[in-house]
């Protein structure tokens, strides 16, 4: 089964000039979604994670069923101000400005083996920031996994962990 066949592209979303890779159509197809989760589980299992960290927001949709299948925990890495209780944050540079990613302060113990999950790897900025945040609390960041990678945007060059990508597209 070709996962690529179940990913829809939408032109000029969320703004003119952007080609959006929409996994809604993948999620809506039970066999294709099951195949996607199974492929990611095989790749991630080798890293023996204690915890999967899903990046807001489509990373949650990918990481939650994977954690269940792998028998490990799941936490969310979210934009600033979206998590309840005390949080830890990491601010990082964007092309024009900055952004901040957070986790709950009690979510990851030092030495916890983690794998980061998101639906798409583009420039790599948010994933790199998530790696830095997790390492700042002593997490053992083993890998990152994505359904889609956009080639030509340099995302993988910013990441110093093993990567799993199921489908790639030229940006």
N, C-alpha and C. Protein backbone atom coordinates (compact mmCIF):
# COMPACT_ATOMS: atom_id res chain seq x y z
N UNK A 1 0.85 -1.18 0.00
CA UNK A 1 0.00 0.00 0.00
C UNK A 1 0.89 1.24 0.00
N UNK A 2 0.58 2.17 -0.86
CA UNK A 2 1.33 3.42 -0.95
C UNK A 2 0.70 4.49 -0.07
N UNK A 3 1.38 4.86 0.98
CA UNK A 3 0.89 5.91 1.88
C UNK A 3 0.72 7.22 1.12
N UNK A 4 1.65 7.49 0.22
CA UNK A 4 1.63 8.71 -0.59
C UNK A 4 0.27 8.93 -1.28
N UNK A 5 -0.35 7.83 -1.69
CA UNK A 5 -1.64 7.92 -2.39
C UNK A 5 -2.77 8.41 -1.50
N UNK A 6 -2.55 8.42 -0.19
CA UNK A 6 -3.60 8.81 0.75
C UNK A 6 -3.34 10.17 1.40
N UNK A 7 -2.35 10.89 0.87
CA UNK A 7 -2.04 12.23 1.37
C UNK A 7 -2.47 13.24 0.32
N UNK A 8 -3.36 14.12 0.72
CA UNK A 8 -3.91 15.12 -0.19
C UNK A 8 -3.07 16.39 -0.11
N UNK A 9 -2.90 17.07 -1.23
CA UNK A 9 -2.23 18.37 -1.23
C UNK A 9 -3.27 19.46 -1.48
N UNK A 10 -3.08 20.56 -0.77
CA UNK A 10 -4.00 21.70 -0.90
C UNK A 10 -3.17 22.94 -1.17
N UNK A 11 -3.39 23.56 -2.32
CA UNK A 11 -2.64 24.75 -2.70
C UNK A 11 -3.11 25.98 -1.93
N UNK A 12 -2.14 26.86 -1.67
CA UNK A 12 -2.41 28.15 -1.04
C UNK A 12 -3.05 28.04 0.35
N UNK A 13 -2.61 27.04 1.11
CA UNK A 13 -3.08 26.90 2.49
C UNK A 13 -1.87 26.70 3.40
N UNK A 14 -1.77 27.42 4.49
CA UNK A 14 -2.73 28.36 5.06
C UNK A 14 -2.62 29.77 4.51
N UNK A 15 -1.68 29.97 3.57
CA UNK A 15 -1.58 31.28 2.92
C UNK A 15 -1.10 31.08 1.49
N UNK A 16 -1.25 32.10 0.65
CA UNK A 16 -0.86 31.98 -0.76
C UNK A 16 0.60 31.54 -0.90
N UNK A 17 0.82 30.63 -1.85
CA UNK A 17 2.17 30.16 -2.13
C UNK A 17 2.58 28.91 -1.36
N UNK A 18 1.77 28.49 -0.41
CA UNK A 18 2.08 27.30 0.39
C UNK A 18 1.31 26.11 -0.17
N UNK A 19 1.99 24.98 -0.32
CA UNK A 19 1.35 23.72 -0.68
C UNK A 19 1.29 22.88 0.58
N UNK A 20 0.08 22.65 1.09
CA UNK A 20 -0.15 21.96 2.35
C UNK A 20 -0.33 20.47 2.11
N UNK A 21 0.38 19.66 2.88
CA UNK A 21 0.27 18.20 2.80
C UNK A 21 -0.67 17.75 3.91
N UNK A 22 -1.86 17.35 3.51
CA UNK A 22 -2.97 17.08 4.43
C UNK A 22 -3.07 15.58 4.71
N UNK A 23 -2.85 15.20 5.99
CA UNK A 23 -2.97 13.78 6.35
C UNK A 23 -4.39 13.40 6.75
N UNK A 24 -5.34 14.33 6.66
CA UNK A 24 -6.74 14.01 7.00
C UNK A 24 -7.25 12.84 6.17
N UNK A 25 -6.89 12.81 4.91
CA UNK A 25 -7.34 11.73 4.03
C UNK A 25 -6.67 10.40 4.39
N UNK A 26 -5.46 10.45 4.91
CA UNK A 26 -4.78 9.24 5.40
C UNK A 26 -5.48 8.73 6.65
N UNK A 27 -5.78 9.62 7.58
CA UNK A 27 -6.46 9.25 8.82
C UNK A 27 -7.85 8.67 8.55
N UNK A 28 -8.50 9.12 7.50
CA UNK A 28 -9.86 8.68 7.17
C UNK A 28 -9.91 7.31 6.51
N UNK A 29 -8.76 6.79 6.09
CA UNK A 29 -8.69 5.49 5.42
C UNK A 29 -8.12 4.47 6.40
N UNK A 30 -8.96 3.62 7.00
CA UNK A 30 -8.49 2.76 8.09
C UNK A 30 -7.33 1.83 7.72
N UNK A 31 -7.35 1.27 6.54
CA UNK A 31 -6.26 0.36 6.15
C UNK A 31 -4.95 1.12 5.95
N UNK A 32 -5.03 2.28 5.32
CA UNK A 32 -3.82 3.07 5.10
C UNK A 32 -3.27 3.61 6.42
N UNK A 33 -4.16 4.02 7.31
CA UNK A 33 -3.73 4.53 8.61
C UNK A 33 -3.09 3.41 9.43
N UNK A 34 -3.71 2.24 9.45
CA UNK A 34 -3.14 1.09 10.16
C UNK A 34 -1.76 0.75 9.60
N UNK A 35 -1.62 0.76 8.30
CA UNK A 35 -0.34 0.48 7.65
C UNK A 35 0.72 1.51 8.08
N UNK A 36 0.33 2.78 8.13
CA UNK A 36 1.23 3.85 8.55
C UNK A 36 1.71 3.64 9.98
N UNK A 37 0.77 3.39 10.88
CA UNK A 37 1.12 3.16 12.29
C UNK A 37 2.01 1.93 12.43
N UNK A 38 1.70 0.87 11.71
CA UNK A 38 2.52 -0.35 11.78
C UNK A 38 3.95 -0.10 11.30
N UNK A 39 4.11 0.63 10.19
CA UNK A 39 5.45 0.93 9.69
C UNK A 39 6.26 1.77 10.68
N UNK A 40 5.61 2.76 11.26
CA UNK A 40 6.30 3.60 12.24
C UNK A 40 6.64 2.80 13.49
N UNK A 41 5.75 1.92 13.92
CA UNK A 41 6.02 1.10 15.11
C UNK A 41 7.24 0.21 14.92
N UNK A 42 7.36 -0.40 13.76
CA UNK A 42 8.53 -1.25 13.48
C UNK A 42 9.81 -0.42 13.55
N UNK A 43 9.79 0.76 12.96
CA UNK A 43 10.99 1.61 12.95
C UNK A 43 11.33 2.14 14.33
N UNK A 44 10.33 2.50 15.10
CA UNK A 44 10.56 3.11 16.41
C UNK A 44 10.92 2.09 17.48
N UNK A 45 10.36 0.91 17.39
CA UNK A 45 10.59 -0.13 18.40
C UNK A 45 12.09 -0.36 18.65
N UNK A 46 12.90 -0.30 17.61
CA UNK A 46 14.34 -0.55 17.75
C UNK A 46 15.02 0.45 18.68
N UNK A 47 14.42 1.61 18.91
CA UNK A 47 15.00 2.63 19.78
C UNK A 47 14.59 2.46 21.25
N UNK A 48 13.72 1.48 21.50
CA UNK A 48 13.28 1.12 22.85
C UNK A 48 12.83 2.33 23.68
N UNK A 49 11.89 3.11 23.16
CA UNK A 49 11.47 4.30 23.91
C UNK A 49 10.65 3.97 25.15
N UNK A 50 10.83 4.77 26.17
CA UNK A 50 9.94 4.76 27.33
C UNK A 50 8.75 5.68 27.07
N UNK A 51 8.98 6.66 26.19
CA UNK A 51 8.03 7.74 26.00
C UNK A 51 8.10 8.25 24.57
N UNK A 52 6.93 8.51 23.98
CA UNK A 52 6.87 9.21 22.69
C UNK A 52 6.43 10.63 22.96
N UNK A 53 7.06 11.58 22.28
CA UNK A 53 6.73 12.99 22.43
C UNK A 53 6.13 13.47 21.12
N UNK A 54 4.84 13.76 21.14
CA UNK A 54 4.15 14.26 19.95
C UNK A 54 4.21 15.78 19.91
N UNK A 55 4.59 16.31 18.74
CA UNK A 55 4.66 17.76 18.57
C UNK A 55 3.31 18.27 18.06
N UNK A 56 2.88 19.39 18.65
CA UNK A 56 1.59 20.00 18.32
C UNK A 56 1.46 20.24 16.83
N UNK A 57 0.33 19.98 16.28
CA UNK A 57 -0.78 19.25 16.84
C UNK A 57 -0.99 17.91 16.13
N UNK A 58 -0.61 17.84 14.88
CA UNK A 58 -0.81 16.57 14.19
C UNK A 58 0.13 15.48 14.69
N UNK A 59 1.22 15.87 15.33
CA UNK A 59 2.09 14.87 15.96
C UNK A 59 1.38 14.11 17.06
N UNK A 60 0.38 14.74 17.69
CA UNK A 60 -0.41 14.05 18.71
C UNK A 60 -1.16 12.88 18.09
N UNK A 61 -1.72 13.13 16.89
CA UNK A 61 -2.52 12.11 16.22
C UNK A 61 -1.68 10.89 15.83
N UNK A 62 -0.42 11.12 15.58
CA UNK A 62 0.48 10.04 15.19
C UNK A 62 1.05 9.35 16.43
N UNK A 63 1.49 10.13 17.40
CA UNK A 63 2.18 9.57 18.57
C UNK A 63 1.26 8.77 19.49
N UNK A 64 0.03 9.21 19.68
CA UNK A 64 -0.85 8.53 20.63
C UNK A 64 -1.11 7.06 20.25
N UNK A 65 -1.52 6.75 19.03
CA UNK A 65 -1.73 5.33 18.71
C UNK A 65 -0.42 4.53 18.68
N UNK A 66 0.67 5.20 18.31
CA UNK A 66 1.97 4.51 18.32
C UNK A 66 2.38 4.13 19.74
N UNK A 67 2.18 5.04 20.68
CA UNK A 67 2.52 4.74 22.08
C UNK A 67 1.69 3.57 22.59
N UNK A 68 0.44 3.56 22.26
CA UNK A 68 -0.43 2.45 22.65
C UNK A 68 0.07 1.13 22.06
N UNK A 69 0.41 1.15 20.78
CA UNK A 69 0.88 -0.07 20.11
C UNK A 69 2.23 -0.53 20.68
N UNK A 70 3.10 0.41 21.03
CA UNK A 70 4.44 0.07 21.53
C UNK A 70 4.46 -0.18 23.04
N UNK A 71 3.37 0.15 23.73
CA UNK A 71 3.32 -0.05 25.17
C UNK A 71 4.18 0.94 25.94
N UNK A 72 4.27 2.16 25.43
CA UNK A 72 5.05 3.18 26.12
C UNK A 72 4.17 4.40 26.38
N UNK A 73 4.70 5.37 27.11
CA UNK A 73 3.95 6.57 27.41
C UNK A 73 3.95 7.56 26.27
N UNK A 74 3.11 8.59 26.42
CA UNK A 74 2.98 9.64 25.41
C UNK A 74 2.82 10.97 26.13
N UNK A 75 3.56 11.97 25.70
CA UNK A 75 3.36 13.34 26.18
C UNK A 75 3.29 14.29 24.99
N UNK A 76 2.81 15.49 25.28
CA UNK A 76 2.65 16.51 24.25
C UNK A 76 3.69 17.61 24.39
N UNK A 77 4.28 18.02 23.27
CA UNK A 77 5.09 19.23 23.19
C UNK A 77 4.20 20.26 22.49
N UNK A 78 3.92 21.36 23.21
CA UNK A 78 2.94 22.32 22.71
C UNK A 78 3.50 23.72 22.66
N UNK A 79 2.79 24.56 21.93
CA UNK A 79 3.13 25.98 21.90
C UNK A 79 2.87 26.58 23.28
N UNK A 80 3.55 27.66 23.55
CA UNK A 80 3.50 28.31 24.86
C UNK A 80 2.07 28.63 25.29
N UNK A 81 1.78 28.32 26.56
CA UNK A 81 0.50 28.66 27.14
C UNK A 81 -0.62 27.67 26.89
N UNK A 82 -0.33 26.52 26.29
CA UNK A 82 -1.38 25.56 25.95
C UNK A 82 -1.46 24.37 26.92
N UNK A 83 -0.48 24.21 27.79
CA UNK A 83 -0.47 23.09 28.73
C UNK A 83 -0.82 23.56 30.14
N UNK A 84 -1.61 22.78 30.88
CA UNK A 84 -1.93 23.16 32.25
C UNK A 84 -0.77 22.86 33.20
N UNK A 85 -0.75 23.57 34.32
CA UNK A 85 0.25 23.33 35.35
C UNK A 85 1.60 23.91 35.00
N UNK A 86 2.59 23.65 35.85
CA UNK A 86 3.95 24.15 35.59
C UNK A 86 4.53 23.54 34.32
N UNK A 87 5.23 24.36 33.55
CA UNK A 87 5.83 23.89 32.30
C UNK A 87 7.29 24.29 32.22
N UNK A 88 7.99 23.62 31.32
CA UNK A 88 9.36 23.98 30.95
C UNK A 88 9.32 24.38 29.50
N UNK A 89 10.08 25.41 29.14
CA UNK A 89 9.98 25.92 27.77
C UNK A 89 11.35 26.10 27.13
N UNK A 90 11.30 26.17 25.80
CA UNK A 90 12.49 26.46 25.01
C UNK A 90 12.05 27.40 23.89
N UNK A 91 12.70 28.55 23.80
CA UNK A 91 12.40 29.53 22.75
C UNK A 91 13.43 29.38 21.64
N UNK A 92 12.94 29.42 20.40
CA UNK A 92 13.82 29.22 19.25
C UNK A 92 13.48 30.23 18.16
N UNK A 93 14.45 30.40 17.26
CA UNK A 93 14.31 31.38 16.19
C UNK A 93 13.51 30.83 15.01
N UNK A 94 12.68 31.68 14.47
CA UNK A 94 11.97 31.43 13.23
C UNK A 94 12.58 32.34 12.15
N UNK A 95 12.11 32.20 10.93
CA UNK A 95 12.62 33.06 9.87
C UNK A 95 12.40 34.53 10.22
N UNK A 96 11.23 34.84 10.78
CA UNK A 96 10.92 36.21 11.18
C UNK A 96 10.37 36.18 12.60
N UNK A 97 11.24 36.17 13.60
CA UNK A 97 10.81 36.19 14.99
C UNK A 97 11.22 34.95 15.75
N UNK A 98 10.45 34.65 16.80
CA UNK A 98 10.73 33.49 17.65
C UNK A 98 9.44 32.76 17.96
N UNK A 99 9.59 31.54 18.47
CA UNK A 99 8.47 30.76 18.96
C UNK A 99 8.95 30.01 20.19
N UNK A 100 8.02 29.47 20.95
CA UNK A 100 8.37 28.75 22.17
C UNK A 100 7.60 27.44 22.22
N UNK A 101 8.31 26.37 22.58
CA UNK A 101 7.71 25.04 22.74
C UNK A 101 7.80 24.67 24.22
N UNK A 102 6.78 23.97 24.73
CA UNK A 102 6.75 23.62 26.14
C UNK A 102 6.36 22.17 26.36
N UNK A 103 6.80 21.65 27.51
CA UNK A 103 6.31 20.38 28.03
C UNK A 103 5.94 20.62 29.50
N UNK A 104 5.12 19.77 30.06
CA UNK A 104 4.82 19.88 31.48
C UNK A 104 6.08 19.54 32.27
N UNK A 105 6.30 20.26 33.37
CA UNK A 105 7.58 20.15 34.09
C UNK A 105 7.82 18.77 34.70
N UNK A 106 6.77 18.01 34.94
CA UNK A 106 6.95 16.68 35.52
C UNK A 106 6.79 15.56 34.50
N UNK A 107 6.80 15.88 33.22
CA UNK A 107 6.48 14.90 32.17
C UNK A 107 7.63 13.95 31.83
N UNK A 108 8.87 14.39 31.99
CA UNK A 108 10.01 13.59 31.56
C UNK A 108 11.07 13.58 32.66
N UNK A 109 11.39 12.39 33.14
CA UNK A 109 12.45 12.25 34.14
C UNK A 109 13.80 12.12 33.42
N UNK A 110 14.85 12.52 34.10
CA UNK A 110 16.20 12.38 33.55
C UNK A 110 16.46 10.91 33.22
N UNK A 111 17.05 10.67 32.05
CA UNK A 111 17.37 9.32 31.62
C UNK A 111 16.27 8.63 30.84
N UNK A 112 15.09 9.23 30.75
CA UNK A 112 13.98 8.64 30.00
C UNK A 112 14.34 8.58 28.52
N UNK A 113 14.14 7.40 27.93
CA UNK A 113 14.39 7.21 26.50
C UNK A 113 13.18 7.70 25.71
N UNK A 114 13.40 8.71 24.85
CA UNK A 114 12.28 9.29 24.12
C UNK A 114 12.52 9.27 22.61
N UNK A 115 11.41 9.20 21.89
CA UNK A 115 11.39 9.38 20.43
C UNK A 115 10.37 10.47 20.15
N UNK A 116 10.75 11.41 19.31
CA UNK A 116 9.89 12.53 18.95
C UNK A 116 9.12 12.18 17.68
N UNK A 117 7.83 12.53 17.67
CA UNK A 117 6.95 12.19 16.56
C UNK A 117 6.25 13.44 16.06
N UNK A 118 6.21 13.59 14.73
CA UNK A 118 5.39 14.63 14.11
C UNK A 118 4.92 14.11 12.76
N UNK A 119 3.95 14.77 12.19
CA UNK A 119 3.46 14.31 10.89
C UNK A 119 4.39 14.70 9.76
N UNK A 120 5.07 15.86 9.89
CA UNK A 120 5.82 16.39 8.76
C UNK A 120 7.10 17.08 9.21
N UNK A 121 8.18 16.79 8.51
CA UNK A 121 9.46 17.47 8.72
C UNK A 121 9.68 18.43 7.56
N UNK A 122 9.77 19.71 7.89
CA UNK A 122 10.03 20.74 6.87
C UNK A 122 11.37 21.39 7.18
N UNK A 123 11.39 22.49 7.89
CA UNK A 123 12.65 23.18 8.18
C UNK A 123 13.38 22.59 9.38
N UNK A 124 12.67 21.82 10.21
CA UNK A 124 13.31 21.17 11.36
C UNK A 124 13.41 22.01 12.61
N UNK A 125 12.98 23.26 12.56
CA UNK A 125 13.13 24.16 13.70
C UNK A 125 12.40 23.71 14.95
N UNK A 126 11.15 23.32 14.81
CA UNK A 126 10.38 22.90 15.98
C UNK A 126 10.90 21.59 16.54
N UNK A 127 11.28 20.67 15.68
CA UNK A 127 11.83 19.40 16.17
C UNK A 127 13.17 19.63 16.87
N UNK A 128 14.03 20.45 16.30
CA UNK A 128 15.31 20.76 16.95
C UNK A 128 15.09 21.40 18.31
N UNK A 129 14.11 22.30 18.40
CA UNK A 129 13.80 22.94 19.68
C UNK A 129 13.27 21.92 20.69
N UNK A 130 12.47 20.99 20.23
CA UNK A 130 11.93 19.94 21.11
C UNK A 130 13.06 19.05 21.61
N UNK A 131 14.00 18.71 20.74
CA UNK A 131 15.17 17.93 21.16
C UNK A 131 15.94 18.69 22.24
N UNK A 132 16.19 19.97 22.01
CA UNK A 132 16.93 20.78 22.99
C UNK A 132 16.20 20.85 24.33
N UNK A 133 14.89 21.04 24.28
CA UNK A 133 14.10 21.10 25.51
C UNK A 133 14.18 19.78 26.27
N UNK A 134 14.00 18.68 25.57
CA UNK A 134 14.05 17.37 26.23
C UNK A 134 15.43 17.07 26.81
N UNK A 135 16.45 17.43 26.08
CA UNK A 135 17.81 17.21 26.59
C UNK A 135 18.10 18.08 27.81
N UNK A 136 17.47 19.25 27.88
CA UNK A 136 17.70 20.14 29.02
C UNK A 136 17.20 19.54 30.33
N UNK A 137 16.29 18.57 30.25
CA UNK A 137 15.80 17.89 31.45
C UNK A 137 16.42 16.51 31.61
N UNK A 138 17.42 16.21 30.78
CA UNK A 138 18.15 14.95 30.91
C UNK A 138 17.58 13.78 30.14
N UNK A 139 16.63 14.03 29.23
CA UNK A 139 16.06 12.94 28.43
C UNK A 139 17.11 12.39 27.46
N UNK A 140 17.00 11.11 27.20
CA UNK A 140 17.83 10.42 26.21
C UNK A 140 17.03 10.39 24.90
N UNK A 141 17.24 11.40 24.06
CA UNK A 141 16.49 11.51 22.80
C UNK A 141 17.11 10.54 21.80
N UNK A 142 16.37 9.48 21.51
CA UNK A 142 16.88 8.38 20.69
C UNK A 142 16.68 8.57 19.19
N UNK A 143 15.59 9.25 18.79
CA UNK A 143 15.26 9.35 17.36
C UNK A 143 14.08 10.31 17.19
N UNK A 144 13.77 10.56 15.93
CA UNK A 144 12.56 11.30 15.55
C UNK A 144 11.95 10.59 14.35
N UNK A 145 10.62 10.63 14.27
CA UNK A 145 9.93 9.95 13.17
C UNK A 145 8.82 10.84 12.62
N UNK A 146 8.66 10.75 11.30
CA UNK A 146 7.70 11.59 10.58
C UNK A 146 7.01 10.76 9.51
N UNK A 147 5.79 11.09 9.20
CA UNK A 147 5.13 10.47 8.06
C UNK A 147 5.73 11.06 6.78
N UNK A 148 5.89 12.39 6.75
CA UNK A 148 6.28 13.11 5.54
C UNK A 148 7.54 13.94 5.80
N UNK A 149 8.42 13.99 4.81
CA UNK A 149 9.52 14.95 4.81
C UNK A 149 9.45 15.77 3.53
N UNK A 150 9.61 17.08 3.66
CA UNK A 150 9.69 17.96 2.50
C UNK A 150 11.16 18.17 2.17
N UNK A 151 11.59 17.62 1.05
CA UNK A 151 12.98 17.73 0.62
C UNK A 151 13.32 19.17 0.23
N UNK A 152 14.56 19.53 0.46
CA UNK A 152 15.04 20.83 0.01
C UNK A 152 14.88 21.96 1.01
N UNK A 153 14.31 21.67 2.19
CA UNK A 153 14.13 22.72 3.20
C UNK A 153 15.15 22.62 4.33
N UNK A 154 16.01 21.61 4.28
CA UNK A 154 17.11 21.49 5.23
C UNK A 154 16.74 21.00 6.61
N UNK A 155 15.54 20.46 6.79
CA UNK A 155 15.11 20.02 8.10
C UNK A 155 15.99 18.96 8.73
N UNK A 156 16.32 17.95 7.96
CA UNK A 156 17.11 16.85 8.53
C UNK A 156 18.51 17.30 8.94
N UNK A 157 19.03 18.36 8.30
CA UNK A 157 20.36 18.86 8.62
C UNK A 157 20.43 19.49 10.01
N UNK A 158 19.29 19.89 10.56
CA UNK A 158 19.24 20.51 11.88
C UNK A 158 19.10 19.49 13.01
N UNK A 159 18.92 18.23 12.65
CA UNK A 159 18.63 17.20 13.65
C UNK A 159 19.79 16.23 13.78
N UNK A 160 20.20 15.96 15.02
CA UNK A 160 21.34 15.09 15.27
C UNK A 160 20.92 13.75 15.87
N UNK A 161 19.73 13.29 15.49
CA UNK A 161 19.24 11.98 15.93
C UNK A 161 18.85 11.18 14.69
N UNK A 162 18.79 9.85 14.81
CA UNK A 162 18.32 9.05 13.67
C UNK A 162 16.89 9.44 13.30
N UNK A 163 16.61 9.44 12.00
CA UNK A 163 15.29 9.83 11.51
C UNK A 163 14.61 8.68 10.78
N UNK A 164 13.30 8.60 10.96
CA UNK A 164 12.45 7.73 10.17
C UNK A 164 11.48 8.61 9.41
N UNK A 165 11.40 8.42 8.11
CA UNK A 165 10.46 9.15 7.25
C UNK A 165 9.81 8.13 6.34
N UNK A 166 8.49 8.15 6.24
CA UNK A 166 7.79 7.17 5.41
C UNK A 166 7.61 7.63 3.96
N UNK A 167 7.40 8.93 3.75
CA UNK A 167 7.15 9.47 2.41
C UNK A 167 7.85 10.81 2.29
N UNK A 168 8.48 11.06 1.15
CA UNK A 168 9.08 12.38 0.95
C UNK A 168 8.52 13.02 -0.32
N UNK A 169 8.46 14.35 -0.25
CA UNK A 169 8.00 15.16 -1.36
C UNK A 169 9.01 16.27 -1.58
N UNK A 170 9.14 16.72 -2.82
CA UNK A 170 10.00 17.89 -3.08
C UNK A 170 9.26 19.15 -2.71
N UNK A 171 9.95 20.03 -1.98
CA UNK A 171 9.31 21.28 -1.53
C UNK A 171 9.22 22.27 -2.66
